[in-house]
Amino acid sequence: MLRNIGLALATVGGTVLTAPIALPLVVSSIGGYLAVAGGVLSAVSQLTSLNDDFNAVQ
Protein backbone atom coordinates (compact mmCIF):
# COMPACT_ATOMS: atom_id res chain seq x y z
CA MET A 1 0.00 0.00 0.00
CA LEU A 2 2.71 2.50 0.98
CA ARG A 3 4.78 1.46 -2.02
CA ASN A 4 1.90 2.34 -4.35
CA ILE A 5 1.42 5.72 -2.67
CA GLY A 6 5.15 6.37 -3.02
CA LEU A 7 5.09 5.43 -6.69
CA ALA A 8 2.12 7.73 -7.27
CA LEU A 9 3.88 10.64 -5.53
CA ALA A 10 7.02 10.06 -7.56
CA THR A 11 4.99 9.93 -10.77
CA VAL A 12 3.13 13.16 -10.01
CA GLY A 13 6.37 14.88 -9.04
CA GLY A 14 8.12 13.70 -12.18
CA THR A 15 5.21 14.82 -14.32
CA VAL A 16 5.26 18.29 -12.78
CA LEU A 17 9.03 18.55 -13.27
CA THR A 18 8.87 17.54 -16.93
CA ALA A 19 5.84 19.65 -17.83
CA PRO A 20 6.21 21.13 -21.33
CA ILE A 21 5.10 24.55 -20.13
CA ALA A 22 6.89 26.99 -17.84
CA LEU A 23 5.61 26.62 -14.30
CA PRO A 24 6.22 28.93 -11.36
CA LEU A 25 9.27 28.15 -9.24
CA VAL A 26 7.11 27.14 -6.26
CA VAL A 27 5.27 24.52 -8.31
CA SER A 28 8.53 23.12 -9.69
CA SER A 29 10.00 22.94 -6.19
CA ILE A 30 6.95 21.10 -4.90
CA GLY A 31 7.24 18.68 -7.83
CA GLY A 32 10.84 17.97 -6.89
CA TYR A 33 9.94 17.37 -3.26
CA LEU A 34 7.10 15.05 -4.28
CA ALA A 35 9.42 13.04 -6.50
CA VAL A 36 12.01 12.65 -3.73
CA ALA A 37 9.42 11.85 -1.07
CA GLY A 38 7.81 9.25 -3.34
CA GLY A 39 11.13 7.60 -4.05
CA VAL A 40 12.05 7.45 -0.38
CA LEU A 41 8.63 6.13 0.61
CA SER A 42 8.79 3.41 -2.02
CA ALA A 43 12.31 2.40 -1.02
CA VAL A 44 11.47 2.24 2.69
CA SER A 45 8.35 0.25 1.94
CA GLN A 46 10.37 -2.25 -0.13
CA LEU A 47 12.97 -2.62 2.62
CA THR A 48 10.40 -3.40 5.28
CA SER A 49 8.59 -5.91 3.08
CA LEU A 50 11.89 -7.63 2.22
CA ASN A 51 12.68 -7.99 5.91
CA ASP A 52 9.26 -9.51 6.56
CA ASP A 53 9.87 -12.09 3.83
CA PHE A 54 13.35 -12.86 5.19
CA ASN A 55 12.07 -13.33 8.74
CA ALA A 56 9.31 -15.64 7.52
CA VAL A 57 11.88 -17.97 5.96
CA GLN A 58 13.88 -18.37 9.17
PDB file of N, CA and C in Angstrom:
ATOM      1  N   MET A   1       0.830  -1.192   0.000  1.00  0.00           N
ATOM      2  CA  MET A   1       0.000   0.000   0.000  1.00  0.00           C
ATOM      3  C   MET A   1       0.871   1.252   0.000  1.00  0.00           C
ATOM      4  N   LEU A   2       1.838   1.318   0.937  1.00  0.00           N
ATOM      5  CA  LEU A   2       2.708   2.496   0.983  1.00  0.00           C
ATOM      6  C   LEU A   2       3.564   2.595  -0.273  1.00  0.00           C
ATOM      7  N   ARG A   3       3.971   1.447  -0.801  1.00  0.00           N
ATOM      8  CA  ARG A   3       4.780   1.459  -2.024  1.00  0.00           C
ATOM      9  C   ARG A   3       4.004   2.099  -3.167  1.00  0.00           C
ATOM     10  N   ASN A   4       2.726   1.774  -3.277  1.00  0.00           N
ATOM     11  CA  ASN A   4       1.903   2.342  -4.350  1.00  0.00           C
ATOM     12  C   ASN A   4       1.717   3.839  -4.174  1.00  0.00           C
ATOM     13  N   ILE A   5       1.550   4.277  -2.937  1.00  0.00           N
ATOM     14  CA  ILE A   5       1.422   5.716  -2.674  1.00  0.00           C
ATOM     15  C   ILE A   5       2.729   6.415  -3.045  1.00  0.00           C
ATOM     16  N   GLY A   6       3.855   5.800  -2.672  1.00  0.00           N
ATOM     17  CA  GLY A   6       5.151   6.366  -3.023  1.00  0.00           C
ATOM     18  C   GLY A   6       5.355   6.461  -4.522  1.00  0.00           C
ATOM     19  N   LEU A   7       4.962   5.412  -5.230  1.00  0.00           N
ATOM     20  CA  LEU A   7       5.091   5.435  -6.689  1.00  0.00           C
ATOM     21  C   LEU A   7       4.202   6.513  -7.310  1.00  0.00           C
ATOM     22  N   ALA A   8       3.022   6.693  -6.752  1.00  0.00           N
ATOM     23  CA  ALA A   8       2.119   7.732  -7.267  1.00  0.00           C
ATOM     24  C   ALA A   8       2.711   9.121  -7.015  1.00  0.00           C
ATOM     25  N   LEU A   9       3.256   9.340  -5.820  1.00  0.00           N
ATOM     26  CA  LEU A   9       3.880  10.635  -5.525  1.00  0.00           C
ATOM     27  C   LEU A   9       5.056  10.901  -6.461  1.00  0.00           C
ATOM     28  N   ALA A  10       5.882   9.897  -6.676  1.00  0.00           N
ATOM     29  CA  ALA A  10       7.024  10.062  -7.560  1.00  0.00           C
ATOM     30  C   ALA A  10       6.571  10.353  -8.993  1.00  0.00           C
ATOM     31  N   THR A  11       5.510   9.704  -9.416  1.00  0.00           N
ATOM     32  CA  THR A  11       4.987   9.932 -10.766  1.00  0.00           C
ATOM     33  C   THR A  11       4.447  11.340 -10.923  1.00  0.00           C
ATOM     34  N   VAL A  12       3.676  11.793  -9.948  1.00  0.00           N
ATOM     35  CA  VAL A  12       3.132  13.156 -10.008  1.00  0.00           C
ATOM     36  C   VAL A  12       4.266  14.172  -9.986  1.00  0.00           C
ATOM     37  N   GLY A  13       5.243  13.956  -9.100  1.00  0.00           N
ATOM     38  CA  GLY A  13       6.374  14.877  -9.036  1.00  0.00           C
ATOM     39  C   GLY A  13       7.161  14.915 -10.327  1.00  0.00           C
ATOM     40  N   GLY A  14       7.407  13.753 -10.911  1.00  0.00           N
ATOM     41  CA  GLY A  14       8.118  13.705 -12.182  1.00  0.00           C
ATOM     42  C   GLY A  14       7.346  14.360 -13.310  1.00  0.00           C
ATOM     43  N   THR A  15       6.044  14.193 -13.295  1.00  0.00           N
ATOM     44  CA  THR A  15       5.210  14.816 -14.319  1.00  0.00           C
ATOM     45  C   THR A  15       5.247  16.336 -14.205  1.00  0.00           C
ATOM     46  N   VAL A  16       5.193  16.837 -12.984  1.00  0.00           N
ATOM     47  CA  VAL A  16       5.257  18.289 -12.775  1.00  0.00           C
ATOM     48  C   VAL A  16       6.615  18.819 -13.219  1.00  0.00           C
ATOM     49  N   LEU A  17       7.684  18.088 -12.905  1.00  0.00           N
ATOM     50  CA  LEU A  17       9.026  18.551 -13.271  1.00  0.00           C
ATOM     51  C   LEU A  17       9.257  18.555 -14.774  1.00  0.00           C
ATOM     52  N   THR A  18       8.643  17.630 -15.482  1.00  0.00           N
ATOM     53  CA  THR A  18       8.872  17.539 -16.927  1.00  0.00           C
ATOM     54  C   THR A  18       7.736  18.151 -17.741  1.00  0.00           C
ATOM     55  N   ALA A  19       6.944  19.006 -17.118  1.00  0.00           N
ATOM     56  CA  ALA A  19       5.836  19.649 -17.830  1.00  0.00           C
ATOM     57  C   ALA A  19       6.377  20.476 -18.997  1.00  0.00           C
ATOM     58  N   PRO A  20       5.710  20.419 -20.150  1.00  0.00           N
ATOM     59  CA  PRO A  20       6.212  21.128 -21.333  1.00  0.00           C
ATOM     60  C   PRO A  20       5.988  22.645 -21.279  1.00  0.00           C
ATOM     61  N   ILE A  21       5.323  23.109 -20.260  1.00  0.00           N
ATOM     62  CA  ILE A  21       5.104  24.552 -20.135  1.00  0.00           C
ATOM     63  C   ILE A  21       5.897  25.080 -18.949  1.00  0.00           C
ATOM     64  N   ALA A  22       6.156  26.366 -18.942  1.00  0.00           N
ATOM     65  CA  ALA A  22       6.891  26.986 -17.841  1.00  0.00           C
ATOM     66  C   ALA A  22       5.962  27.119 -16.634  1.00  0.00           C
ATOM     67  N   LEU A  23       6.389  26.554 -15.528  1.00  0.00           N
ATOM     68  CA  LEU A  23       5.609  26.619 -14.300  1.00  0.00           C
ATOM     69  C   LEU A  23       6.317  27.528 -13.302  1.00  0.00           C
ATOM     70  N   PRO A  24       5.570  28.110 -12.381  1.00  0.00           N
ATOM     71  CA  PRO A  24       6.218  28.929 -11.355  1.00  0.00           C
ATOM     72  C   PRO A  24       7.231  28.115 -10.555  1.00  0.00           C
ATOM     73  N   LEU A  25       8.203  28.809  -9.987  1.00  0.00           N
ATOM     74  CA  LEU A  25       9.267  28.150  -9.244  1.00  0.00           C
ATOM     75  C   LEU A  25       8.731  27.340  -8.070  1.00  0.00           C
ATOM     76  N   VAL A  26       7.685  27.844  -7.414  1.00  0.00           N
ATOM     77  CA  VAL A  26       7.111  27.141  -6.265  1.00  0.00           C
ATOM     78  C   VAL A  26       6.546  25.791  -6.703  1.00  0.00           C
ATOM     79  N   VAL A  27       5.864  25.760  -7.812  1.00  0.00           N
ATOM     80  CA  VAL A  27       5.267  24.518  -8.309  1.00  0.00           C
ATOM     81  C   VAL A  27       6.360  23.524  -8.689  1.00  0.00           C
ATOM     82  N   SER A  28       7.421  24.004  -9.320  1.00  0.00           N
ATOM     83  CA  SER A  28       8.529  23.124  -9.688  1.00  0.00           C
ATOM     84  C   SER A  28       9.227  22.573  -8.452  1.00  0.00           C
ATOM     85  N   SER A  29       9.382  23.408  -7.436  1.00  0.00           N
ATOM     86  CA  SER A  29      10.005  22.944  -6.192  1.00  0.00           C
ATOM     87  C   SER A  29       9.152  21.884  -5.521  1.00  0.00           C
ATOM     88  N   ILE A  30       7.853  22.094  -5.493  1.00  0.00           N
ATOM     89  CA  ILE A  30       6.945  21.103  -4.903  1.00  0.00           C
ATOM     90  C   ILE A  30       7.010  19.792  -5.686  1.00  0.00           C
ATOM     91  N   GLY A  31       7.103  19.884  -7.005  1.00  0.00           N
ATOM     92  CA  GLY A  31       7.236  18.680  -7.826  1.00  0.00           C
ATOM     93  C   GLY A  31       8.501  17.905  -7.491  1.00  0.00           C
ATOM     94  N   GLY A  32       9.588  18.622  -7.269  1.00  0.00           N
ATOM     95  CA  GLY A  32      10.835  17.968  -6.888  1.00  0.00           C
ATOM     96  C   GLY A  32      10.723  17.280  -5.541  1.00  0.00           C
ATOM     97  N   TYR A  33      10.119  17.967  -4.589  1.00  0.00           N
ATOM     98  CA  TYR A  33       9.938  17.374  -3.262  1.00  0.00           C
ATOM     99  C   TYR A  33       9.032  16.148  -3.316  1.00  0.00           C
ATOM    100  N   LEU A  34       7.988  16.211  -4.131  1.00  0.00           N
ATOM    101  CA  LEU A  34       7.101  15.048  -4.282  1.00  0.00           C
ATOM    102  C   LEU A  34       7.841  13.855  -4.879  1.00  0.00           C
ATOM    103  N   ALA A  35       8.680  14.120  -5.868  1.00  0.00           N
ATOM    104  CA  ALA A  35       9.422  13.037  -6.497  1.00  0.00           C
ATOM    105  C   ALA A  35      10.379  12.382  -5.501  1.00  0.00           C
ATOM    106  N   VAL A  36      11.073  13.200  -4.725  1.00  0.00           N
ATOM    107  CA  VAL A  36      12.014  12.649  -3.733  1.00  0.00           C
ATOM    108  C   VAL A  36      11.263  11.897  -2.637  1.00  0.00           C
ATOM    109  N   ALA A  37      10.187  12.497  -2.136  1.00  0.00           N
ATOM    110  CA  ALA A  37       9.420  11.847  -1.074  1.00  0.00           C
ATOM    111  C   ALA A  37       8.827  10.519  -1.559  1.00  0.00           C
ATOM    112  N   GLY A  38       8.349  10.494  -2.787  1.00  0.00           N
ATOM    113  CA  GLY A  38       7.805   9.254  -3.340  1.00  0.00           C
ATOM    114  C   GLY A  38       8.863   8.179  -3.483  1.00  0.00           C
ATOM    115  N   GLY A  39      10.046   8.566  -3.926  1.00  0.00           N
ATOM    116  CA  GLY A  39      11.130   7.598  -4.053  1.00  0.00           C
ATOM    117  C   GLY A  39      11.559   7.036  -2.709  1.00  0.00           C
ATOM    118  N   VAL A  40      11.665   7.906  -1.717  1.00  0.00           N
ATOM    119  CA  VAL A  40      12.053   7.447  -0.380  1.00  0.00           C
ATOM    120  C   VAL A  40      10.976   6.549   0.211  1.00  0.00           C
ATOM    121  N   LEU A  41       9.724   6.935   0.071  1.00  0.00           N
ATOM    122  CA  LEU A  41       8.629   6.133   0.612  1.00  0.00           C
ATOM    123  C   LEU A  41       8.583   4.754  -0.038  1.00  0.00           C
ATOM    124  N   SER A  42       8.780   4.704  -1.332  1.00  0.00           N
ATOM    125  CA  SER A  42       8.787   3.414  -2.025  1.00  0.00           C
ATOM    126  C   SER A  42       9.964   2.552  -1.578  1.00  0.00           C
ATOM    127  N   ALA A  43      11.130   3.160  -1.434  1.00  0.00           N
ATOM    128  CA  ALA A  43      12.314   2.405  -1.017  1.00  0.00           C
ATOM    129  C   ALA A  43      12.156   1.860   0.402  1.00  0.00           C
ATOM    130  N   VAL A  44      11.662   2.684   1.310  1.00  0.00           N
ATOM    131  CA  VAL A  44      11.473   2.236   2.689  1.00  0.00           C
ATOM    132  C   VAL A  44      10.426   1.137   2.743  1.00  0.00           C
ATOM    133  N   SER A  45       9.387   1.270   1.966  1.00  0.00           N
ATOM    134  CA  SER A  45       8.346   0.251   1.938  1.00  0.00           C
ATOM    135  C   SER A  45       8.905  -1.076   1.418  1.00  0.00           C
ATOM    136  N   GLN A  46       9.766  -1.028   0.393  1.00  0.00           N
ATOM    137  CA  GLN A  46      10.371  -2.250  -0.130  1.00  0.00           C
ATOM    138  C   GLN A  46      11.280  -2.888   0.901  1.00  0.00           C
ATOM    139  N   LEU A  47      12.047  -2.081   1.619  1.00  0.00           N
ATOM    140  CA  LEU A  47      12.968  -2.624   2.616  1.00  0.00           C
ATOM    141  C   LEU A  47      12.226  -3.349   3.729  1.00  0.00           C
ATOM    142  N   THR A  48      11.142  -2.759   4.193  1.00  0.00           N
ATOM    143  CA  THR A  48      10.404  -3.397   5.279  1.00  0.00           C
ATOM    144  C   THR A  48       9.718  -4.662   4.799  1.00  0.00           C
ATOM    145  N   SER A  49       9.239  -4.690   3.576  1.00  0.00           N
ATOM    146  CA  SER A  49       8.589  -5.905   3.085  1.00  0.00           C
ATOM    147  C   SER A  49       9.624  -6.997   2.822  1.00  0.00           C
ATOM    148  N   LEU A  50      10.839  -6.639   2.406  1.00  0.00           N
ATOM    149  CA  LEU A  50      11.888  -7.634   2.218  1.00  0.00           C
ATOM    150  C   LEU A  50      12.282  -8.255   3.544  1.00  0.00           C
ATOM    151  N   ASN A  51      12.348  -7.448   4.604  1.00  0.00           N
ATOM    152  CA  ASN A  51      12.683  -7.990   5.914  1.00  0.00           C
ATOM    153  C   ASN A  51      11.602  -8.931   6.413  1.00  0.00           C
ATOM    154  N   ASP A  52      10.353  -8.632   6.150  1.00  0.00           N
ATOM    155  CA  ASP A  52       9.262  -9.513   6.557  1.00  0.00           C
ATOM    156  C   ASP A  52       9.382 -10.866   5.850  1.00  0.00           C
ATOM    157  N   ASP A  53       9.703 -10.850   4.575  1.00  0.00           N
ATOM    158  CA  ASP A  53       9.872 -12.094   3.831  1.00  0.00           C
ATOM    159  C   ASP A  53      11.069 -12.881   4.361  1.00  0.00           C
ATOM    160  N   PHE A  54      12.141 -12.198   4.687  1.00  0.00           N
ATOM    161  CA  PHE A  54      13.347 -12.858   5.186  1.00  0.00           C
ATOM    162  C   PHE A  54      13.090 -13.495   6.547  1.00  0.00           C
ATOM    163  N   ASN A  55      12.364 -12.784   7.418  1.00  0.00           N
ATOM    164  CA  ASN A  55      12.069 -13.328   8.743  1.00  0.00           C
ATOM    165  C   ASN A  55      11.121 -14.523   8.654  1.00  0.00           C
ATOM    166  N   ALA A  56      10.254 -14.540   7.661  1.00  0.00           N
ATOM    167  CA  ALA A  56       9.307 -15.645   7.525  1.00  0.00           C
ATOM    168  C   ALA A  56      10.031 -16.928   7.125  1.00  0.00           C
ATOM    169  N   VAL A  57      11.138 -16.792   6.396  1.00  0.00           N
ATOM    170  CA  VAL A  57      11.877 -17.972   5.957  1.00  0.00           C
ATOM    171  C   VAL A  57      12.605 -18.616   7.121  1.00  0.00           C
ATOM    172  N   GLN A  58      13.106 -17.824   8.032  1.00  0.00           N
ATOM    173  CA  GLN A  58      13.880 -18.366   9.166  1.00  0.00           C
ATOM    174  C   GLN A  58      12.972 -18.980  10.133  1.00  0.00           C
TER     175      GLN A  58
END
